[in-house]
Amino acid sequence: MEKGPSRDIQVTLTQAAGHLSAESPFKTFFEQGEEIAVELYAPVGTDKQTPHERDELYIIASGHGTFSRGEELVTFEPGDLLYVPAYIPHRFETFSEDFKTWVIFYGPKRARPA
């Protein structure tokens, strides 16, 4: 019997966070073709992301702050789920120093709306 988790069955938050830095605030830990990709994201200071080609879900792992999606602004805390359709401008406007979120990109890449 094999002891410990298999590489494709479990990634802990602690393990994943050990791969991040201010210069590299995200890393992909799981991909299945173009159907799904899961990464951990922990920006430092400012969230500089731009809209993406796929729908995405954020599952807040640690920290708290405010998140904007289009004209909407919500507060978040650990355990919250945030949804962003493809190509919608969004960012973490404010966040605590311990902020980390799982990011799940899913579905096919979409064409940019006209």
C-alpha atoms as a PDB file:
ATOM      1  CA  MET A   1       0.000   0.000   0.000  1.00  0.00           C
ATOM      2  CA  GLU A   2       1.354   3.409  -1.001  1.00  0.00           C
ATOM      3  CA  LYS A   3       1.715   5.954   1.791  1.00  0.00           C
ATOM      4  CA  GLY A   4       1.028   9.662   1.371  1.00  0.00           C
ATOM      5  CA  PRO A   5      -0.990  11.475  -1.284  1.00  0.00           C
ATOM      6  CA  SER A   6      -0.585  10.818  -4.980  1.00  0.00           C
ATOM      7  CA  ARG A   7       0.584  13.859  -6.974  1.00  0.00           C
ATOM      8  CA  ASP A   8      -2.728  14.120  -8.846  1.00  0.00           C
ATOM      9  CA  ILE A   9      -5.088  13.584  -5.930  1.00  0.00           C
ATOM     10  CA  GLN A  10      -4.032  16.245  -3.420  1.00  0.00           C
ATOM     11  CA  VAL A  11      -2.226  19.562  -3.225  1.00  0.00           C
ATOM     12  CA  THR A  12      -2.302  21.248   0.144  1.00  0.00           C
ATOM     13  CA  LEU A  13      -2.468  25.008   0.540  1.00  0.00           C
ATOM     14  CA  THR A  14       0.852  24.938   2.409  1.00  0.00           C
ATOM     15  CA  GLN A  15       2.575  22.963  -0.370  1.00  0.00           C
ATOM     16  CA  ALA A  16       1.159  25.189  -3.094  1.00  0.00           C
ATOM     17  CA  ALA A  17       1.989  28.445  -1.286  1.00  0.00           C
ATOM     18  CA  GLY A  18       5.615  27.330  -1.016  1.00  0.00           C
ATOM     19  CA  HIS A  19       5.902  27.666  -4.809  1.00  0.00           C
ATOM     20  CA  LEU A  20       4.785  31.325  -4.919  1.00  0.00           C
ATOM     21  CA  SER A  21       6.775  34.549  -4.614  1.00  0.00           C
ATOM     22  CA  ALA A  22       6.323  38.271  -5.236  1.00  0.00           C
ATOM     23  CA  GLU A  23       7.859  37.765  -8.693  1.00  0.00           C
ATOM     24  CA  SER A  24       5.684  34.705  -9.401  1.00  0.00           C
ATOM     25  CA  PRO A  25       2.354  35.157  -7.571  1.00  0.00           C
ATOM     26  CA  PHE A  26       0.552  32.217  -9.229  1.00  0.00           C
ATOM     27  CA  LYS A  27       1.243  28.644 -10.235  1.00  0.00           C
ATOM     28  CA  THR A  28      -0.879  26.016 -11.953  1.00  0.00           C
ATOM     29  CA  PHE A  29      -1.168  22.777  -9.987  1.00  0.00           C
ATOM     30  CA  PHE A  30      -3.660  20.807 -12.080  1.00  0.00           C
ATOM     31  CA  GLU A  31      -4.726  20.790 -15.741  1.00  0.00           C
ATOM     32  CA  GLN A  32      -7.018  18.499 -17.686  1.00  0.00           C
ATOM     33  CA  GLY A  33      -6.790  19.458 -21.350  1.00  0.00           C
ATOM     34  CA  GLU A  34      -8.728  22.629 -22.046  1.00  0.00           C
ATOM     35  CA  GLU A  35     -11.534  21.631 -19.692  1.00  0.00           C
ATOM     36  CA  ILE A  36     -10.075  22.770 -16.382  1.00  0.00           C
ATOM     37  CA  ALA A  37      -6.991  24.354 -14.838  1.00  0.00           C
ATOM     38  CA  VAL A  38      -6.454  25.014 -11.123  1.00  0.00           C
ATOM     39  CA  GLU A  39      -3.871  27.403  -9.751  1.00  0.00           C
ATOM     40  CA  LEU A  40      -3.066  29.185  -6.530  1.00  0.00           C
ATOM     41  CA  TYR A  41      -2.831  32.971  -6.709  1.00  0.00           C
ATOM     42  CA  ALA A  42      -1.367  35.285  -4.057  1.00  0.00           C
ATOM     43  CA  PRO A  43      -0.645  38.778  -5.393  1.00  0.00           C
ATOM     44  CA  VAL A  44       1.646  41.068  -3.414  1.00  0.00           C
ATOM     45  CA  GLY A  45       0.706  44.746  -3.128  1.00  0.00           C
ATOM     46  CA  THR A  46      -1.433  45.090  -6.275  1.00  0.00           C
ATOM     47  CA  ASP A  47      -3.521  42.689  -8.345  1.00  0.00           C
ATOM     48  CA  LYS A  48      -2.406  43.318 -11.937  1.00  0.00           C
ATOM     49  CA  GLN A  49      -4.476  40.666 -13.693  1.00  0.00           C
ATOM     50  CA  THR A  50      -6.413  41.329 -16.874  1.00  0.00           C
ATOM     51  CA  PRO A  51      -9.586  39.605 -18.182  1.00  0.00           C
ATOM     52  CA  HIS A  52      -9.223  35.955 -19.196  1.00  0.00           C
ATOM     53  CA  GLU A  53     -10.478  33.864 -22.135  1.00  0.00           C
ATOM     54  CA  ARG A  54     -12.273  31.353 -19.914  1.00  0.00           C
ATOM     55  CA  ASP A  55     -14.835  31.474 -17.124  1.00  0.00           C
ATOM     56  CA  GLU A  56     -13.259  31.286 -13.697  1.00  0.00           C
ATOM     57  CA  LEU A  57     -14.035  30.625 -10.080  1.00  0.00           C
ATOM     58  CA  TYR A  58     -12.070  31.910  -7.114  1.00  0.00           C
ATOM     59  CA  ILE A  59     -12.238  30.004  -3.832  1.00  0.00           C
ATOM     60  CA  ILE A  60     -10.721  32.178  -1.125  1.00  0.00           C
ATOM     61  CA  ALA A  61      -8.187  30.120   0.849  1.00  0.00           C
ATOM     62  CA  SER A  62      -6.984  32.790   3.274  1.00  0.00           C
ATOM     63  CA  GLY A  63      -7.208  36.505   3.871  1.00  0.00           C
ATOM     64  CA  HIS A  64      -9.923  39.050   3.243  1.00  0.00           C
ATOM     65  CA  GLY A  65     -10.545  42.184   1.207  1.00  0.00           C
ATOM     66  CA  THR A  66     -12.627  43.589  -1.643  1.00  0.00           C
ATOM     67  CA  PHE A  67     -13.116  42.261  -5.170  1.00  0.00           C
ATOM     68  CA  SER A  68     -14.440  44.076  -8.228  1.00  0.00           C
ATOM     69  CA  ARG A  69     -16.139  42.491 -11.231  1.00  0.00           C
ATOM     70  CA  GLY A  70     -17.219  45.006 -13.811  1.00  0.00           C
ATOM     71  CA  GLU A  71     -19.066  47.679 -11.827  1.00  0.00           C
ATOM     72  CA  GLU A  72     -19.733  45.382  -8.844  1.00  0.00           C
ATOM     73  CA  LEU A  73     -17.699  45.434  -5.631  1.00  0.00           C
ATOM     74  CA  VAL A  74     -17.964  42.778  -2.905  1.00  0.00           C
ATOM     75  CA  THR A  75     -16.081  41.959   0.266  1.00  0.00           C
ATOM     76  CA  PHE A  76     -14.622  38.458   0.651  1.00  0.00           C
ATOM     77  CA  GLU A  77     -13.200  36.172   3.327  1.00  0.00           C
ATOM     78  CA  PRO A  78     -11.935  32.574   3.539  1.00  0.00           C
ATOM     79  CA  GLY A  79     -14.345  30.032   2.102  1.00  0.00           C
ATOM     80  CA  ASP A  80     -16.088  32.476  -0.243  1.00  0.00           C
ATOM     81  CA  LEU A  81     -16.642  31.611  -3.892  1.00  0.00           C
ATOM     82  CA  LEU A  82     -16.389  34.335  -6.556  1.00  0.00           C
ATOM     83  CA  TYR A  83     -17.449  33.840 -10.200  1.00  0.00           C
ATOM     84  CA  VAL A  84     -16.151  35.759 -13.218  1.00  0.00           C
ATOM     85  CA  PRO A  85     -17.348  35.157 -16.792  1.00  0.00           C
ATOM     86  CA  ALA A  86     -14.729  35.246 -19.543  1.00  0.00           C
ATOM     87  CA  TYR A  87     -13.505  38.724 -20.599  1.00  0.00           C
ATOM     88  CA  ILE A  88     -15.152  40.610 -17.698  1.00  0.00           C
ATOM     89  CA  PRO A  89     -12.698  43.066 -16.069  1.00  0.00           C
ATOM     90  CA  HIS A  90     -12.013  42.051 -12.469  1.00  0.00           C
ATOM     91  CA  ARG A  91      -9.424  42.315  -9.706  1.00  0.00           C
ATOM     92  CA  PHE A  92      -8.817  42.063  -6.019  1.00  0.00           C
ATOM     93  CA  GLU A  93      -8.961  45.758  -5.113  1.00  0.00           C
ATOM     94  CA  THR A  94      -7.793  45.383  -1.512  1.00  0.00           C
ATOM     95  CA  PHE A  95      -6.515  42.302   0.288  1.00  0.00           C
ATOM     96  CA  SER A  96      -4.764  41.350   3.486  1.00  0.00           C
ATOM     97  CA  GLU A  97      -1.112  40.251   3.513  1.00  0.00           C
ATOM     98  CA  ASP A  98      -2.129  36.612   4.049  1.00  0.00           C
ATOM     99  CA  PHE A  99      -4.445  36.578   0.991  1.00  0.00           C
ATOM    100  CA  LYS A 100      -4.401  33.448  -1.184  1.00  0.00           C
ATOM    101  CA  THR A 101      -7.048  32.094  -3.521  1.00  0.00           C
ATOM    102  CA  TRP A 102      -7.528  28.981  -5.571  1.00  0.00           C
ATOM    103  CA  VAL A 103      -8.403  29.863  -9.168  1.00  0.00           C
ATOM    104  CA  ILE A 104     -10.341  27.425 -11.324  1.00  0.00           C
ATOM    105  CA  PHE A 105     -10.462  28.135 -15.053  1.00  0.00           C
ATOM    106  CA  TYR A 106     -13.034  25.943 -16.754  1.00  0.00           C
ATOM    107  CA  GLY A 107     -14.752  25.347 -20.056  1.00  0.00           C
ATOM    108  CA  PRO A 108     -13.435  26.186 -23.504  1.00  0.00           C
ATOM    109  CA  LYS A 109     -11.675  29.413 -24.357  1.00  0.00           C
ATOM    110  CA  ARG A 110     -14.244  31.884 -25.638  1.00  0.00           C
ATOM    111  CA  ALA A 111     -14.059  34.326 -28.501  1.00  0.00           C
ATOM    112  CA  ARG A 112     -13.743  37.950 -27.404  1.00  0.00           C
ATOM    113  CA  PRO A 113     -17.173  39.634 -27.506  1.00  0.00           C
ATOM    114  CA  ALA A 114     -17.627  42.206 -30.261  1.00  0.00           C
END
